[in-house]
Amino acid sequence: MIAFAVRRAASTLVVMFAISVLVFVIFFAIPGIDPSRQMAGRNPTPETIRAIKHEFGLDRPLPVQYVLVMKHLLVTRDLQSYNNRGVEVVPQIIRATPITFSLITGAAVIWVVLSVLVGVAARRCAGRSGIPC
């Protein structure tokens, strides 16, 4: 039983790592999208773009950028929003957690109720072909 729990925990960590890498790649490695240019606003100067790249570590290789982002998100918890400069991300996530959980709870209740109704209807109509239940 303990071996099963350890395997499940390990596979969960692998999946979480893969998801974090995938999301990171989507935001930072898609060709043609430069996050520093988007942060700089309209008609930025090359100096402004370079300063933003250096400030956020975007002038480093992708693996180093990934490690820096994860460090700021999970260790120091001071990751700043790229769109709203100066706004920290972790407090925003914590503030949105109760709302997210209420949405999850509501969706789970609806899912269970509909599942029970469909199950009851399927049982009631079992064996009847062509006759509306």
N, C-alpha and C. Protein backbone atom coordinates (compact mmCIF):
# COMPACT_ATOMS: atom_id res chain seq x y z
N MET A 1 0.81 -1.19 0.00
CA MET A 1 0.00 0.00 0.00
C MET A 1 0.86 1.26 0.00
N ILE A 2 1.95 1.24 0.77
CA ILE A 2 2.84 2.39 0.84
C ILE A 2 3.55 2.57 -0.50
N ALA A 3 3.93 1.46 -1.12
CA ALA A 3 4.60 1.54 -2.43
C ALA A 3 3.66 2.15 -3.46
N PHE A 4 2.40 1.81 -3.40
CA PHE A 4 1.41 2.38 -4.32
C PHE A 4 1.30 3.89 -4.11
N ALA A 5 1.22 4.31 -2.86
CA ALA A 5 1.11 5.74 -2.55
C ALA A 5 2.35 6.50 -3.02
N VAL A 6 3.52 5.90 -2.84
CA VAL A 6 4.76 6.54 -3.27
C VAL A 6 4.79 6.66 -4.79
N ARG A 7 4.36 5.59 -5.49
CA ARG A 7 4.32 5.64 -6.96
C ARG A 7 3.36 6.72 -7.44
N ARG A 8 2.18 6.80 -6.80
CA ARG A 8 1.19 7.81 -7.19
C ARG A 8 1.73 9.22 -6.93
N ALA A 9 2.39 9.42 -5.80
CA ALA A 9 2.96 10.73 -5.49
C ALA A 9 4.05 11.09 -6.50
N ALA A 10 4.88 10.12 -6.85
CA ALA A 10 5.94 10.37 -7.83
C ALA A 10 5.35 10.70 -9.20
N SER A 11 4.34 9.96 -9.60
CA SER A 11 3.73 10.24 -10.90
C SER A 11 3.03 11.60 -10.89
N THR A 12 2.46 11.97 -9.75
CA THR A 12 1.84 13.30 -9.64
C THR A 12 2.88 14.39 -9.80
N LEU A 13 4.04 14.22 -9.18
CA LEU A 13 5.11 15.21 -9.33
C LEU A 13 5.60 15.30 -10.77
N VAL A 14 5.71 14.16 -11.44
CA VAL A 14 6.14 14.17 -12.84
C VAL A 14 5.12 14.91 -13.71
N VAL A 15 3.85 14.66 -13.48
CA VAL A 15 2.80 15.33 -14.26
C VAL A 15 2.81 16.83 -13.99
N MET A 16 2.93 17.22 -12.72
CA MET A 16 2.96 18.64 -12.38
C MET A 16 4.17 19.33 -13.02
N PHE A 17 5.32 18.66 -13.01
CA PHE A 17 6.51 19.20 -13.66
C PHE A 17 6.28 19.36 -15.16
N ALA A 18 5.71 18.34 -15.79
CA ALA A 18 5.46 18.40 -17.23
C ALA A 18 4.49 19.53 -17.57
N ILE A 19 3.46 19.70 -16.76
CA ILE A 19 2.50 20.79 -17.01
C ILE A 19 3.18 22.14 -16.85
N SER A 20 4.01 22.28 -15.82
CA SER A 20 4.69 23.57 -15.62
C SER A 20 5.64 23.88 -16.78
N VAL A 21 6.33 22.87 -17.27
CA VAL A 21 7.22 23.08 -18.41
C VAL A 21 6.42 23.44 -19.65
N LEU A 22 5.31 22.73 -19.88
CA LEU A 22 4.48 23.02 -21.05
C LEU A 22 3.94 24.45 -21.02
N VAL A 23 3.43 24.87 -19.88
CA VAL A 23 2.91 26.23 -19.76
C VAL A 23 4.04 27.24 -19.94
N PHE A 24 5.19 26.99 -19.37
CA PHE A 24 6.33 27.88 -19.53
C PHE A 24 6.72 28.01 -21.00
N VAL A 25 6.78 26.87 -21.69
CA VAL A 25 7.16 26.88 -23.11
C VAL A 25 6.12 27.65 -23.93
N ILE A 26 4.86 27.48 -23.61
CA ILE A 26 3.81 28.19 -24.35
C ILE A 26 3.99 29.70 -24.20
N PHE A 27 4.33 30.16 -23.01
CA PHE A 27 4.44 31.60 -22.78
C PHE A 27 5.78 32.18 -23.20
N PHE A 28 6.85 31.39 -23.20
CA PHE A 28 8.17 31.97 -23.42
C PHE A 28 8.90 31.47 -24.64
N ALA A 29 8.53 30.35 -25.22
CA ALA A 29 9.34 29.79 -26.30
C ALA A 29 8.61 29.76 -27.64
N ILE A 30 7.42 30.30 -27.72
CA ILE A 30 6.71 30.32 -29.00
C ILE A 30 7.41 31.33 -29.91
N PRO A 31 7.80 30.90 -31.09
CA PRO A 31 8.49 31.82 -32.01
C PRO A 31 7.59 33.01 -32.37
N GLY A 32 8.20 34.17 -32.41
CA GLY A 32 7.47 35.37 -32.81
C GLY A 32 6.85 36.11 -31.64
N ILE A 33 6.87 35.54 -30.45
CA ILE A 33 6.30 36.22 -29.29
C ILE A 33 7.44 36.55 -28.34
N ASP A 34 7.64 37.83 -28.12
CA ASP A 34 8.70 38.29 -27.22
C ASP A 34 8.03 38.94 -26.01
N PRO A 35 8.07 38.27 -24.85
CA PRO A 35 7.41 38.83 -23.67
C PRO A 35 7.94 40.20 -23.29
N SER A 36 9.23 40.43 -23.48
CA SER A 36 9.78 41.73 -23.10
C SER A 36 9.23 42.84 -24.00
N ARG A 37 8.99 42.53 -25.25
CA ARG A 37 8.41 43.53 -26.16
C ARG A 37 6.96 43.82 -25.77
N GLN A 38 6.23 42.78 -25.35
CA GLN A 38 4.85 43.00 -24.92
C GLN A 38 4.79 43.81 -23.64
N MET A 39 5.74 43.60 -22.75
CA MET A 39 5.77 44.34 -21.48
C MET A 39 6.16 45.80 -21.69
N ALA A 40 6.95 46.07 -22.74
CA ALA A 40 7.48 47.41 -22.95
C ALA A 40 6.44 48.40 -23.48
N GLY A 41 5.31 47.90 -23.96
CA GLY A 41 4.28 48.81 -24.46
C GLY A 41 4.46 49.13 -25.93
N ARG A 42 3.80 50.18 -26.34
CA ARG A 42 3.85 50.56 -27.76
C ARG A 42 5.14 51.31 -28.08
N ASN A 43 5.69 51.01 -29.22
CA ASN A 43 6.90 51.67 -29.74
C ASN A 43 8.02 51.75 -28.72
N PRO A 44 8.46 50.63 -28.18
CA PRO A 44 9.54 50.70 -27.19
C PRO A 44 10.89 50.90 -27.87
N THR A 45 11.79 51.47 -27.13
CA THR A 45 13.16 51.62 -27.64
C THR A 45 13.91 50.32 -27.40
N PRO A 46 14.94 50.05 -28.18
CA PRO A 46 15.73 48.83 -27.95
C PRO A 46 16.35 48.78 -26.56
N GLU A 47 16.68 49.95 -26.00
CA GLU A 47 17.25 49.98 -24.65
C GLU A 47 16.21 49.52 -23.62
N THR A 48 14.95 49.93 -23.81
CA THR A 48 13.88 49.53 -22.89
C THR A 48 13.68 48.02 -22.95
N ILE A 49 13.67 47.47 -24.15
CA ILE A 49 13.49 46.02 -24.31
C ILE A 49 14.64 45.27 -23.65
N ARG A 50 15.88 45.76 -23.87
CA ARG A 50 17.04 45.11 -23.24
C ARG A 50 16.96 45.19 -21.71
N ALA A 51 16.54 46.33 -21.19
CA ALA A 51 16.43 46.49 -19.73
C ALA A 51 15.39 45.54 -19.15
N ILE A 52 14.27 45.38 -19.83
CA ILE A 52 13.23 44.47 -19.36
C ILE A 52 13.72 43.03 -19.43
N LYS A 53 14.38 42.67 -20.52
CA LYS A 53 14.93 41.31 -20.65
C LYS A 53 15.90 41.01 -19.51
N HIS A 54 16.75 41.98 -19.19
CA HIS A 54 17.72 41.76 -18.12
C HIS A 54 17.03 41.70 -16.76
N GLU A 55 16.06 42.58 -16.53
CA GLU A 55 15.37 42.63 -15.23
C GLU A 55 14.63 41.34 -14.93
N PHE A 56 13.98 40.75 -15.94
CA PHE A 56 13.21 39.54 -15.74
C PHE A 56 13.98 38.27 -16.09
N GLY A 57 15.25 38.40 -16.50
CA GLY A 57 16.05 37.23 -16.83
C GLY A 57 15.71 36.62 -18.17
N LEU A 58 15.07 37.39 -19.04
CA LEU A 58 14.67 36.87 -20.35
C LEU A 58 15.81 36.85 -21.35
N ASP A 59 16.97 37.36 -20.95
CA ASP A 59 18.13 37.33 -21.83
C ASP A 59 18.99 36.09 -21.60
N ARG A 60 18.51 35.19 -20.77
CA ARG A 60 19.22 33.95 -20.47
C ARG A 60 18.60 32.79 -21.23
N PRO A 61 19.26 31.62 -21.27
CA PRO A 61 18.69 30.46 -21.96
C PRO A 61 17.38 30.01 -21.29
N LEU A 62 16.53 29.31 -22.06
CA LEU A 62 15.21 28.89 -21.56
C LEU A 62 15.27 28.05 -20.28
N PRO A 63 16.18 27.07 -20.15
CA PRO A 63 16.21 26.33 -18.88
C PRO A 63 16.49 27.22 -17.67
N VAL A 64 17.38 28.20 -17.85
CA VAL A 64 17.68 29.13 -16.76
C VAL A 64 16.46 29.99 -16.46
N GLN A 65 15.76 30.44 -17.50
CA GLN A 65 14.54 31.22 -17.30
C GLN A 65 13.51 30.41 -16.53
N TYR A 66 13.36 29.14 -16.89
CA TYR A 66 12.39 28.28 -16.20
C TYR A 66 12.73 28.16 -14.72
N VAL A 67 14.01 27.92 -14.43
CA VAL A 67 14.43 27.79 -13.03
C VAL A 67 14.20 29.09 -12.27
N LEU A 68 14.48 30.23 -12.91
CA LEU A 68 14.26 31.51 -12.25
C LEU A 68 12.78 31.75 -11.95
N VAL A 69 11.92 31.44 -12.93
CA VAL A 69 10.49 31.63 -12.73
C VAL A 69 9.99 30.73 -11.61
N MET A 70 10.39 29.46 -11.61
CA MET A 70 9.95 28.54 -10.55
C MET A 70 10.50 28.96 -9.19
N LYS A 71 11.72 29.48 -9.16
CA LYS A 71 12.29 29.96 -7.89
C LYS A 71 11.46 31.13 -7.36
N HIS A 72 11.16 32.08 -8.24
CA HIS A 72 10.36 33.23 -7.81
C HIS A 72 8.94 32.84 -7.43
N LEU A 73 8.40 31.83 -8.07
CA LEU A 73 7.02 31.43 -7.80
C LEU A 73 6.92 30.56 -6.54
N LEU A 74 7.83 29.61 -6.38
CA LEU A 74 7.69 28.62 -5.32
C LEU A 74 8.58 28.86 -4.10
N VAL A 75 9.75 29.45 -4.28
CA VAL A 75 10.69 29.60 -3.17
C VAL A 75 10.57 30.98 -2.53
N THR A 76 10.89 32.02 -3.30
CA THR A 76 10.86 33.37 -2.73
C THR A 76 9.46 33.98 -2.76
N ARG A 77 8.59 33.44 -3.60
CA ARG A 77 7.20 33.90 -3.72
C ARG A 77 7.10 35.39 -4.04
N ASP A 78 8.02 35.89 -4.84
CA ASP A 78 8.00 37.30 -5.21
C ASP A 78 7.91 37.50 -6.72
N LEU A 79 7.34 36.51 -7.41
CA LEU A 79 7.19 36.61 -8.86
C LEU A 79 6.24 37.76 -9.18
N GLN A 80 6.68 38.63 -10.08
CA GLN A 80 5.87 39.79 -10.44
C GLN A 80 5.19 39.55 -11.77
N SER A 81 4.01 40.14 -11.92
CA SER A 81 3.26 40.02 -13.15
C SER A 81 4.02 40.70 -14.27
N TYR A 82 4.00 40.07 -15.43
CA TYR A 82 4.67 40.67 -16.58
C TYR A 82 3.79 41.75 -17.21
N ASN A 83 2.49 41.63 -17.07
CA ASN A 83 1.60 42.62 -17.66
C ASN A 83 1.35 43.81 -16.74
N ASN A 84 1.14 43.55 -15.46
CA ASN A 84 0.92 44.61 -14.47
C ASN A 84 2.18 44.70 -13.61
N ARG A 85 3.17 45.39 -14.10
CA ARG A 85 4.46 45.43 -13.43
C ARG A 85 4.30 45.97 -12.02
N GLY A 86 4.98 45.31 -11.10
CA GLY A 86 4.92 45.70 -9.70
C GLY A 86 3.90 44.91 -8.90
N VAL A 87 3.01 44.19 -9.57
CA VAL A 87 2.00 43.39 -8.88
C VAL A 87 2.54 41.98 -8.70
N GLU A 88 2.56 41.51 -7.45
CA GLU A 88 3.06 40.16 -7.19
C GLU A 88 1.99 39.12 -7.49
N VAL A 89 2.42 37.99 -8.04
CA VAL A 89 1.51 36.96 -8.54
C VAL A 89 0.95 36.09 -7.40
N VAL A 90 1.79 35.68 -6.47
CA VAL A 90 1.36 34.74 -5.43
C VAL A 90 0.21 35.30 -4.58
N PRO A 91 0.27 36.55 -4.11
CA PRO A 91 -0.89 37.07 -3.37
C PRO A 91 -2.17 37.11 -4.21
N GLN A 92 -2.04 37.36 -5.49
CA GLN A 92 -3.22 37.37 -6.37
C GLN A 92 -3.82 35.96 -6.46
N ILE A 93 -2.95 34.94 -6.56
CA ILE A 93 -3.43 33.56 -6.62
C ILE A 93 -4.11 33.19 -5.31
N ILE A 94 -3.51 33.56 -4.19
CA ILE A 94 -4.09 33.25 -2.88
C ILE A 94 -5.43 33.95 -2.71
N ARG A 95 -5.54 35.19 -3.17
CA ARG A 95 -6.80 35.93 -3.08
C ARG A 95 -7.90 35.30 -3.94
N ALA A 96 -7.53 34.68 -5.05
CA ALA A 96 -8.52 34.07 -5.95
C ALA A 96 -8.88 32.64 -5.57
N THR A 97 -8.15 32.04 -4.63
CA THR A 97 -8.37 30.64 -4.27
C THR A 97 -9.78 30.36 -3.75
N PRO A 98 -10.35 31.14 -2.83
CA PRO A 98 -11.71 30.83 -2.36
C PRO A 98 -12.75 30.87 -3.47
N ILE A 99 -12.61 31.80 -4.38
CA ILE A 99 -13.56 31.89 -5.50
C ILE A 99 -13.42 30.67 -6.40
N THR A 100 -12.19 30.27 -6.65
CA THR A 100 -11.96 29.08 -7.48
C THR A 100 -12.54 27.84 -6.84
N PHE A 101 -12.34 27.67 -5.53
CA PHE A 101 -12.89 26.51 -4.84
C PHE A 101 -14.42 26.53 -4.84
N SER A 102 -15.03 27.71 -4.75
CA SER A 102 -16.50 27.76 -4.80
C SER A 102 -17.00 27.35 -6.19
N LEU A 103 -16.29 27.74 -7.23
CA LEU A 103 -16.67 27.32 -8.58
C LEU A 103 -16.50 25.81 -8.75
N ILE A 104 -15.41 25.27 -8.21
CA ILE A 104 -15.17 23.83 -8.29
C ILE A 104 -16.27 23.07 -7.54
N THR A 105 -16.63 23.56 -6.36
CA THR A 105 -17.67 22.90 -5.56
C THR A 105 -19.00 22.93 -6.28
N GLY A 106 -19.36 24.08 -6.83
CA GLY A 106 -20.61 24.18 -7.58
C GLY A 106 -20.64 23.25 -8.79
N ALA A 107 -19.53 23.19 -9.51
CA ALA A 107 -19.46 22.30 -10.67
C ALA A 107 -19.56 20.85 -10.25
N ALA A 108 -18.94 20.50 -9.12
CA ALA A 108 -19.00 19.11 -8.65
C ALA A 108 -20.42 18.73 -8.25
N VAL A 109 -21.13 19.65 -7.60
CA VAL A 109 -22.52 19.37 -7.21
C VAL A 109 -23.38 19.16 -8.45
N ILE A 110 -23.25 20.04 -9.43
CA ILE A 110 -24.02 19.90 -10.67
C ILE A 110 -23.68 18.58 -11.35
N TRP A 111 -22.40 18.23 -11.39
CA TRP A 111 -21.94 17.00 -12.03
C TRP A 111 -22.54 15.78 -11.34
N VAL A 112 -22.52 15.76 -10.02
CA VAL A 112 -23.05 14.61 -9.29
C VAL A 112 -24.56 14.49 -9.49
N VAL A 113 -25.27 15.60 -9.39
CA VAL A 113 -26.73 15.57 -9.56
C VAL A 113 -27.09 15.07 -10.95
N LEU A 114 -26.46 15.62 -11.98
CA LEU A 114 -26.75 15.18 -13.35
C LEU A 114 -26.36 13.72 -13.57
N SER A 115 -25.25 13.30 -12.97
CA SER A 115 -24.82 11.91 -13.11
C SER A 115 -25.83 10.95 -12.49
N VAL A 116 -26.33 11.31 -11.31
CA VAL A 116 -27.34 10.47 -10.66
C VAL A 116 -28.61 10.42 -11.49
N LEU A 117 -29.04 11.57 -12.01
CA LEU A 117 -30.25 11.60 -12.84
C LEU A 117 -30.09 10.75 -14.10
N VAL A 118 -28.94 10.85 -14.76
CA VAL A 118 -28.71 10.05 -15.96
C VAL A 118 -28.64 8.57 -15.60
N GLY A 119 -28.02 8.23 -14.48
CA GLY A 119 -27.96 6.84 -14.05
C GLY A 119 -29.33 6.27 -13.73
N VAL A 120 -30.16 7.05 -13.06
CA VAL A 120 -31.52 6.60 -12.74
C VAL A 120 -32.33 6.42 -14.02
N ALA A 121 -32.20 7.36 -14.95
CA ALA A 121 -32.93 7.26 -16.22
C ALA A 121 -32.44 6.04 -17.01
N ALA A 122 -31.15 5.78 -17.01
CA ALA A 122 -30.62 4.62 -17.73
C ALA A 122 -31.12 3.32 -17.11
N ARG A 123 -31.19 3.27 -15.80
CA ARG A 123 -31.69 2.06 -15.13
C ARG A 123 -33.17 1.87 -15.41
N ARG A 124 -33.89 2.97 -15.39
CA ARG A 124 -35.33 2.90 -15.63
C ARG A 124 -35.64 2.45 -17.06
N CYS A 125 -34.83 2.86 -17.98
CA CYS A 125 -35.06 2.53 -19.40
C CYS A 125 -34.32 1.27 -19.84
N ALA A 126 -33.67 0.59 -18.95
CA ALA A 126 -32.91 -0.61 -19.31
C ALA A 126 -33.85 -1.68 -19.86
N GLY A 127 -33.46 -2.25 -20.98
CA GLY A 127 -34.22 -3.34 -21.56
C GLY A 127 -35.37 -2.89 -22.45
N ARG A 128 -35.65 -1.62 -22.50
CA ARG A 128 -36.74 -1.12 -23.36
C ARG A 128 -36.11 -0.57 -24.63
N SER A 129 -36.51 -1.09 -25.73
CA SER A 129 -35.99 -0.58 -26.99
C SER A 129 -37.12 0.03 -27.80
N GLY A 130 -36.91 1.22 -28.24
CA GLY A 130 -37.90 1.88 -29.09
C GLY A 130 -39.06 2.50 -28.34
N ILE A 131 -39.18 2.29 -27.08
CA ILE A 131 -40.27 2.87 -26.30
C ILE A 131 -39.69 4.00 -25.46
N PRO A 132 -40.24 5.19 -25.59
CA PRO A 132 -39.73 6.30 -24.76
C PRO A 132 -39.97 5.99 -23.28
N CYS A 133 -39.02 6.33 -22.47
CA CYS A 133 -39.12 6.03 -21.03
C CYS A 133 -39.86 7.10 -20.33
